[in-house]
């Protein structure tokens, strides 16, 4: 698993721009060469460190679950 953090700037409309904290967490998909990217955003720049901790805690709860063709957990 890997993480990318930073501040992203984008145009909202009519030349109005905004800045957002962003964290992308890259999670390998088991049994595949694919990855899943989980992204968290917040406009609250002064709270960057606690928000990155929160984003990390939320993504740490992520897990894969597989079901068979009948919908039963595998």
PDB file of N, CA and C in Angstrom:
ATOM      1  N   UNK A   1       0.853  -1.165   0.000  1.00  0.00           N
ATOM      2  CA  UNK A   1       0.000   0.000   0.000  1.00  0.00           C
ATOM      3  C   UNK A   1       0.901   1.231   0.000  1.00  0.00           C
ATOM      4  N   UNK A   2       0.498   2.233  -0.748  1.00  0.00           N
ATOM      5  CA  UNK A   2       1.254   3.480  -0.797  1.00  0.00           C
ATOM      6  C   UNK A   2       0.330   4.666  -0.668  1.00  0.00           C
ATOM      7  N   UNK A   3       0.895   5.794  -0.271  1.00  0.00           N
ATOM      8  CA  UNK A   3       0.084   7.008  -0.099  1.00  0.00           C
ATOM      9  C   UNK A   3       0.764   8.197  -0.762  1.00  0.00           C
ATOM     10  N   UNK A   4      -0.072   9.056  -1.322  1.00  0.00           N
ATOM     11  CA  UNK A   4       0.369  10.325  -1.880  1.00  0.00           C
ATOM     12  C   UNK A   4      -0.455  11.410  -1.201  1.00  0.00           C
ATOM     13  N   UNK A   5       0.202  12.435  -0.668  1.00  0.00           N
ATOM     14  CA  UNK A   5      -0.520  13.530  -0.025  1.00  0.00           C
ATOM     15  C   UNK A   5      -0.066  14.857  -0.609  1.00  0.00           C
ATOM     16  N   UNK A   6      -0.947  15.838  -0.512  1.00  0.00           N
ATOM     17  CA  UNK A   6      -0.575  17.153  -0.999  1.00  0.00           C
ATOM     18  C   UNK A   6      -1.753  18.094  -1.005  1.00  0.00           C
ATOM     19  N   UNK A   7      -1.558  19.240  -1.630  1.00  0.00           N
ATOM     20  CA  UNK A   7      -2.602  20.246  -1.787  1.00  0.00           C
ATOM     21  C   UNK A   7      -2.860  20.382  -3.281  1.00  0.00           C
ATOM     22  N   UNK A   8      -4.132  20.261  -3.640  1.00  0.00           N
ATOM     23  CA  UNK A   8      -4.523  20.349  -5.046  1.00  0.00           C
ATOM     24  C   UNK A   8      -5.260  21.663  -5.270  1.00  0.00           C
ATOM     25  N   UNK A   9      -4.944  22.323  -6.356  1.00  0.00           N
ATOM     26  CA  UNK A   9      -5.624  23.571  -6.700  1.00  0.00           C
ATOM     27  C   UNK A   9      -6.371  23.360  -8.007  1.00  0.00           C
ATOM     28  N   UNK A  10      -7.619  23.819  -8.037  1.00  0.00           N
ATOM     29  CA  UNK A  10      -8.433  23.640  -9.240  1.00  0.00           C
ATOM     30  C   UNK A  10      -9.359  24.838  -9.405  1.00  0.00           C
ATOM     31  N   UNK A  11      -9.895  24.996 -10.611  1.00  0.00           N
ATOM     32  CA  UNK A  11     -10.864  26.052 -10.879  1.00  0.00           C
ATOM     33  C   UNK A  11     -12.263  25.513 -10.626  1.00  0.00           C
ATOM     34  N   UNK A  12     -13.051  26.261  -9.858  1.00  0.00           N
ATOM     35  CA  UNK A  12     -14.432  25.863  -9.573  1.00  0.00           C
ATOM     36  C   UNK A  12     -15.344  26.326 -10.716  1.00  0.00           C
ATOM     37  N   UNK A  13     -15.340  27.610 -10.988  1.00  0.00           N
ATOM     38  CA  UNK A  13     -16.150  28.178 -12.062  1.00  0.00           C
ATOM     39  C   UNK A  13     -15.770  29.638 -12.238  1.00  0.00           C
ATOM     40  N   UNK A  14     -15.882  30.111 -13.463  1.00  0.00           N
ATOM     41  CA  UNK A  14     -15.629  31.529 -13.769  1.00  0.00           C
ATOM     42  C   UNK A  14     -14.320  32.042 -13.184  1.00  0.00           C
ATOM     43  N   UNK A  15     -13.275  31.237 -13.236  1.00  0.00           N
ATOM     44  CA  UNK A  15     -11.972  31.663 -12.756  1.00  0.00           C
ATOM     45  C   UNK A  15     -11.802  31.638 -11.255  1.00  0.00           C
ATOM     46  N   UNK A  16     -12.786  31.145 -10.530  1.00  0.00           N
ATOM     47  CA  UNK A  16     -12.682  31.026  -9.077  1.00  0.00           C
ATOM     48  C   UNK A  16     -11.953  29.719  -8.765  1.00  0.00           C
ATOM     49  N   UNK A  17     -10.852  29.817  -8.035  1.00  0.00           N
ATOM     50  CA  UNK A  17     -10.091  28.616  -7.723  1.00  0.00           C
ATOM     51  C   UNK A  17     -10.235  28.265  -6.247  1.00  0.00           C
ATOM     52  N   UNK A  18      -9.924  27.023  -5.935  1.00  0.00           N
ATOM     53  CA  UNK A  18      -9.965  26.555  -4.558  1.00  0.00           C
ATOM     54  C   UNK A  18      -8.788  25.617  -4.323  1.00  0.00           C
ATOM     55  N   UNK A  19      -8.430  25.450  -3.062  1.00  0.00           N
ATOM     56  CA  UNK A  19      -7.345  24.535  -2.694  1.00  0.00           C
ATOM     57  C   UNK A  19      -7.903  23.495  -1.734  1.00  0.00           C
ATOM     58  N   UNK A  20      -7.493  22.246  -1.945  1.00  0.00           N
ATOM     59  CA  UNK A  20      -7.981  21.137  -1.130  1.00  0.00           C
ATOM     60  C   UNK A  20      -6.816  20.264  -0.710  1.00  0.00           C
ATOM     61  N   UNK A  21      -6.874  19.781   0.543  1.00  0.00           N
ATOM     62  CA  UNK A  21      -5.957  18.718   0.952  1.00  0.00           C
ATOM     63  C   UNK A  21      -6.402  17.459   0.239  1.00  0.00           C
ATOM     64  N   UNK A  22      -5.455  16.651  -0.165  1.00  0.00           N
ATOM     65  CA  UNK A  22      -5.818  15.405  -0.823  1.00  0.00           C
ATOM     66  C   UNK A  22      -4.868  14.304  -0.368  1.00  0.00           C
ATOM     67  N   UNK A  23      -5.423  13.125  -0.168  1.00  0.00           N
ATOM     68  CA  UNK A  23      -4.617  11.942   0.113  1.00  0.00           C
ATOM     69  C   UNK A  23      -5.143  10.815  -0.766  1.00  0.00           C
ATOM     70  N   UNK A  24      -4.252  10.239  -1.558  1.00  0.00           N
ATOM     71  CA  UNK A  24      -4.576   9.068  -2.368  1.00  0.00           C
ATOM     72  C   UNK A  24      -3.879   7.874  -1.718  1.00  0.00           C
ATOM     73  N   UNK A  25      -4.640   6.833  -1.424  1.00  0.00           N
ATOM     74  CA  UNK A  25      -4.072   5.595  -0.892  1.00  0.00           C
ATOM     75  C   UNK A  25      -4.213   4.529  -1.973  1.00  0.00           C
ATOM     76  N   UNK A  26      -3.106   3.921  -2.352  1.00  0.00           N
ATOM     77  CA  UNK A  26      -3.081   2.908  -3.405  1.00  0.00           C
ATOM     78  C   UNK A  26      -3.058   1.536  -2.746  1.00  0.00           C
ATOM     79  N   UNK A  27      -4.090   0.720  -3.044  1.00  0.00           N
ATOM     80  CA  UNK A  27      -4.239  -0.594  -2.423  1.00  0.00           C
ATOM     81  C   UNK A  27      -4.182  -1.662  -3.511  1.00  0.00           C
ATOM     82  N   UNK A  28      -3.243  -2.602  -3.423  1.00  0.00           N
ATOM     83  CA  UNK A  28      -3.201  -3.688  -4.407  1.00  0.00           C
ATOM     84  C   UNK A  28      -4.435  -4.586  -4.283  1.00  0.00           C
ATOM     85  N   UNK A  29      -4.992  -4.993  -5.414  1.00  0.00           N
ATOM     86  CA  UNK A  29      -6.120  -5.921  -5.430  1.00  0.00           C
ATOM     87  C   UNK A  29      -5.552  -7.332  -5.353  1.00  0.00           C
ATOM     88  N   UNK A  30      -5.938  -8.102  -4.322  1.00  0.00           N
ATOM     89  CA  UNK A  30      -5.394  -9.458  -4.175  1.00  0.00           C
ATOM     90  C   UNK A  30      -5.658 -10.325  -5.414  1.00  0.00           C
ATOM     91  N   UNK A  31      -4.642 -11.064  -5.809  1.00  0.00           N
ATOM     92  CA  UNK A  31      -4.770 -11.972  -6.956  1.00  0.00           C
ATOM     93  C   UNK A  31      -4.850 -11.264  -8.291  1.00  0.00           C
ATOM     94  N   UNK A  32      -4.423 -10.011  -8.355  1.00  0.00           N
ATOM     95  CA  UNK A  32      -4.532  -9.217  -9.574  1.00  0.00           C
ATOM     96  C   UNK A  32      -3.334  -8.283  -9.684  1.00  0.00           C
ATOM     97  N   UNK A  33      -3.123  -7.768 -10.872  1.00  0.00           N
ATOM     98  CA  UNK A  33      -2.086  -6.739 -11.064  1.00  0.00           C
ATOM     99  C   UNK A  33      -2.685  -5.343 -10.925  1.00  0.00           C
ATOM    100  N   UNK A  34      -3.954  -5.273 -10.604  1.00  0.00           N
ATOM    101  CA  UNK A  34      -4.657  -3.997 -10.474  1.00  0.00           C
ATOM    102  C   UNK A  34      -4.489  -3.406  -9.084  1.00  0.00           C
ATOM    103  N   UNK A  35      -4.794  -2.112  -8.998  1.00  0.00           N
ATOM    104  CA  UNK A  35      -4.803  -1.426  -7.707  1.00  0.00           C
ATOM    105  C   UNK A  35      -6.108  -0.656  -7.584  1.00  0.00           C
ATOM    106  N   UNK A  36      -6.475  -0.390  -6.358  1.00  0.00           N
ATOM    107  CA  UNK A  36      -7.624   0.448  -6.045  1.00  0.00           C
ATOM    108  C   UNK A  36      -7.072   1.729  -5.442  1.00  0.00           C
ATOM    109  N   UNK A  37      -7.584   2.866  -5.866  1.00  0.00           N
ATOM    110  CA  UNK A  37      -7.137   4.142  -5.324  1.00  0.00           C
ATOM    111  C   UNK A  37      -8.278   4.730  -4.496  1.00  0.00           C
ATOM    112  N   UNK A  38      -8.020   4.910  -3.205  1.00  0.00           N
ATOM    113  CA  UNK A  38      -8.992   5.513  -2.293  1.00  0.00           C
ATOM    114  C   UNK A  38      -8.533   6.944  -2.049  1.00  0.00           C
ATOM    115  N   UNK A  39      -9.426   7.912  -2.268  1.00  0.00           N
ATOM    116  CA  UNK A  39      -9.051   9.317  -2.190  1.00  0.00           C
ATOM    117  C   UNK A  39      -9.880  10.047  -1.137  1.00  0.00           C
ATOM    118  N   UNK A  40      -9.197  10.858  -0.328  1.00  0.00           N
ATOM    119  CA  UNK A  40      -9.867  11.723   0.640  1.00  0.00           C
ATOM    120  C   UNK A  40      -9.507  13.167   0.346  1.00  0.00           C
ATOM    121  N   UNK A  41     -10.493  14.053   0.432  1.00  0.00           N
ATOM    122  CA  UNK A  41     -10.297  15.482   0.185  1.00  0.00           C
ATOM    123  C   UNK A  41     -10.833  16.290   1.358  1.00  0.00           C
ATOM    124  N   UNK A  42     -10.279  17.460   1.598  1.00  0.00           N
ATOM    125  CA  UNK A  42     -10.830  18.403   2.565  1.00  0.00           C
ATOM    126  C   UNK A  42     -10.362  19.811   2.209  1.00  0.00           C
ATOM    127  N   UNK A  43     -11.240  20.802   2.373  1.00  0.00           N
ATOM    128  CA  UNK A  43     -10.833  22.192   2.149  1.00  0.00           C
ATOM    129  C   UNK A  43     -10.174  22.815   3.378  1.00  0.00           C
ATOM    130  N   UNK A  44     -10.067  22.075   4.491  1.00  0.00           N
ATOM    131  CA  UNK A  44      -9.574  22.628   5.747  1.00  0.00           C
ATOM    132  C   UNK A  44      -8.049  22.530   5.831  1.00  0.00           C
ATOM    133  N   UNK A  45      -7.359  23.385   5.104  1.00  0.00           N
ATOM    134  CA  UNK A  45      -5.892  23.351   5.023  1.00  0.00           C
ATOM    135  C   UNK A  45      -5.184  23.493   6.370  1.00  0.00           C
ATOM    136  N   UNK A  46      -5.668  24.321   7.310  1.00  0.00           N
ATOM    137  CA  UNK A  46      -4.952  24.453   8.581  1.00  0.00           C
ATOM    138  C   UNK A  46      -4.896  23.163   9.409  1.00  0.00           C
ATOM    139  N   UNK A  47      -5.795  22.226   9.140  1.00  0.00           N
ATOM    140  CA  UNK A  47      -5.820  20.968   9.898  1.00  0.00           C
ATOM    141  C   UNK A  47      -5.238  19.804   9.104  1.00  0.00           C
ATOM    142  N   UNK A  48      -4.241  20.070   8.299  1.00  0.00           N
ATOM    143  CA  UNK A  48      -3.683  19.044   7.410  1.00  0.00           C
ATOM    144  C   UNK A  48      -3.254  17.785   8.162  1.00  0.00           C
ATOM    145  N   UNK A  49      -2.437  17.913   9.199  1.00  0.00           N
ATOM    146  CA  UNK A  49      -1.926  16.721   9.885  1.00  0.00           C
ATOM    147  C   UNK A  49      -3.037  15.868  10.498  1.00  0.00           C
ATOM    148  N   UNK A  50      -3.976  16.451  11.258  1.00  0.00           N
ATOM    149  CA  UNK A  50      -5.052  15.614  11.797  1.00  0.00           C
ATOM    150  C   UNK A  50      -5.936  15.010  10.699  1.00  0.00           C
ATOM    151  N   UNK A  51      -6.149  15.752   9.614  1.00  0.00           N
ATOM    152  CA  UNK A  51      -6.974  15.210   8.541  1.00  0.00           C
ATOM    153  C   UNK A  51      -6.274  14.061   7.828  1.00  0.00           C
ATOM    154  N   UNK A  52      -4.970  14.169   7.610  1.00  0.00           N
ATOM    155  CA  UNK A  52      -4.246  13.050   7.004  1.00  0.00           C
ATOM    156  C   UNK A  52      -4.297  11.833   7.930  1.00  0.00           C
ATOM    157  N   UNK A  53      -4.230  12.061   9.245  1.00  0.00           N
ATOM    158  CA  UNK A  53      -4.389  10.949  10.195  1.00  0.00           C
ATOM    159  C   UNK A  53      -5.777  10.329  10.071  1.00  0.00           C
ATOM    160  N   UNK A  54      -6.801  11.174   9.938  1.00  0.00           N
ATOM    161  CA  UNK A  54      -8.166  10.676   9.775  1.00  0.00           C
ATOM    162  C   UNK A  54      -8.308   9.890   8.479  1.00  0.00           C
ATOM    163  N   UNK A  55      -7.805  10.424   7.372  1.00  0.00           N
ATOM    164  CA  UNK A  55      -7.871   9.714   6.097  1.00  0.00           C
ATOM    165  C   UNK A  55      -7.173   8.358   6.206  1.00  0.00           C
ATOM    166  N   UNK A  56      -6.022   8.328   6.882  1.00  0.00           N
ATOM    167  CA  UNK A  56      -5.288   7.063   7.072  1.00  0.00           C
ATOM    168  C   UNK A  56      -6.110   6.069   7.880  1.00  0.00           C
ATOM    169  N   UNK A  57      -6.752   6.560   8.941  1.00  0.00           N
ATOM    170  CA  UNK A  57      -7.568   5.674   9.782  1.00  0.00           C
ATOM    171  C   UNK A  57      -8.750   5.107   9.000  1.00  0.00           C
ATOM    172  N   UNK A  58      -9.376   5.928   8.188  1.00  0.00           N
ATOM    173  CA  UNK A  58     -10.516   5.453   7.392  1.00  0.00           C
ATOM    174  C   UNK A  58     -10.066   4.407   6.371  1.00  0.00           C
ATOM    175  N   UNK A  59      -8.988   4.679   5.659  1.00  0.00           N
ATOM    176  CA  UNK A  59      -8.543   3.719   4.645  1.00  0.00           C
ATOM    177  C   UNK A  59      -7.996   2.439   5.281  1.00  0.00           C
ATOM    178  N   UNK A  60      -7.538   2.512   6.528  1.00  0.00           N
ATOM    179  CA  UNK A  60      -7.052   1.307   7.214  1.00  0.00           C
ATOM    180  C   UNK A  60      -8.188   0.321   7.487  1.00  0.00           C
ATOM    181  N   UNK A  61      -9.428   0.802   7.471  1.00  0.00           N
ATOM    182  CA  UNK A  61     -10.568  -0.093   7.708  1.00  0.00           C
ATOM    183  C   UNK A  61     -10.989  -0.831   6.446  1.00  0.00           C
ATOM    184  N   UNK A  62     -10.423  -0.476   5.304  1.00  0.00           N
ATOM    185  CA  UNK A  62     -10.803  -1.091   4.033  1.00  0.00           C
ATOM    186  C   UNK A  62     -10.290  -2.520   3.953  1.00  0.00           C
ATOM    187  N   UNK A  63     -11.132  -3.410   3.426  1.00  0.00           N
ATOM    188  CA  UNK A  63     -10.687  -4.782   3.171  1.00  0.00           C
ATOM    189  C   UNK A  63     -11.480  -5.345   1.999  1.00  0.00           C
ATOM    190  N   UNK A  64     -10.948  -6.385   1.396  1.00  0.00           N
ATOM    191  CA  UNK A  64     -11.622  -7.061   0.303  1.00  0.00           C
ATOM    192  C   UNK A  64     -12.392  -8.249   0.856  1.00  0.00           C
ATOM    193  N   UNK A  65     -13.591  -8.465   0.333  1.00  0.00           N
ATOM    194  CA  UNK A  65     -14.381  -9.632   0.679  1.00  0.00           C
ATOM    195  C   UNK A  65     -14.880 -10.230  -0.611  1.00  0.00           C
ATOM    196  N   UNK A  66     -14.808 -11.531  -0.715  1.00  0.00           N
ATOM    197  CA  UNK A  66     -15.225 -12.190  -1.938  1.00  0.00           C
ATOM    198  C   UNK A  66     -16.421 -13.102  -1.660  1.00  0.00           C
ATOM    199  N   UNK A  67     -17.320 -13.160  -2.624  1.00  0.00           N
ATOM    200  CA  UNK A  67     -18.482 -14.038  -2.518  1.00  0.00           C
ATOM    201  C   UNK A  67     -18.459 -15.017  -3.688  1.00  0.00           C
ATOM    202  N   UNK A  68     -19.027 -16.204  -3.461  1.00  0.00           N
ATOM    203  CA  UNK A  68     -19.118 -17.157  -4.553  1.00  0.00           C
ATOM    204  C   UNK A  68     -20.289 -16.770  -5.460  1.00  0.00           C
ATOM    205  N   UNK A  69     -20.580 -17.573  -6.476  1.00  0.00           N
ATOM    206  CA  UNK A  69     -21.614 -17.256  -7.445  1.00  0.00           C
ATOM    207  C   UNK A  69     -22.985 -17.139  -6.800  1.00  0.00           C
ATOM    208  N   UNK A  70     -23.214 -17.788  -5.656  1.00  0.00           N
ATOM    209  CA  UNK A  70     -24.500 -17.732  -4.964  1.00  0.00           C
ATOM    210  C   UNK A  70     -24.588 -16.559  -4.000  1.00  0.00           C
ATOM    211  N   UNK A  71     -23.536 -15.759  -3.889  1.00  0.00           N
ATOM    212  CA  UNK A  71     -23.523 -14.625  -2.987  1.00  0.00           C
ATOM    213  C   UNK A  71     -23.057 -14.932  -1.595  1.00  0.00           C
ATOM    214  N   UNK A  72     -22.565 -16.158  -1.363  1.00  0.00           N
ATOM    215  CA  UNK A  72     -22.051 -16.531  -0.052  1.00  0.00           C
ATOM    216  C   UNK A  72     -20.605 -16.084   0.092  1.00  0.00           C
ATOM    217  N   UNK A  73     -20.238 -15.677   1.294  1.00  0.00           N
ATOM    218  CA  UNK A  73     -18.848 -15.278   1.526  1.00  0.00           C
ATOM    219  C   UNK A  73     -17.938 -16.453   1.237  1.00  0.00           C
ATOM    220  N   UNK A  74     -16.813 -16.136   0.552  1.00  0.00           N
ATOM    221  CA  UNK A  74     -15.895 -17.202   0.161  1.00  0.00           C
ATOM    222  C   UNK A  74     -14.692 -17.322   0.995  1.00  0.00           C
TER     223      UNK A  74
END
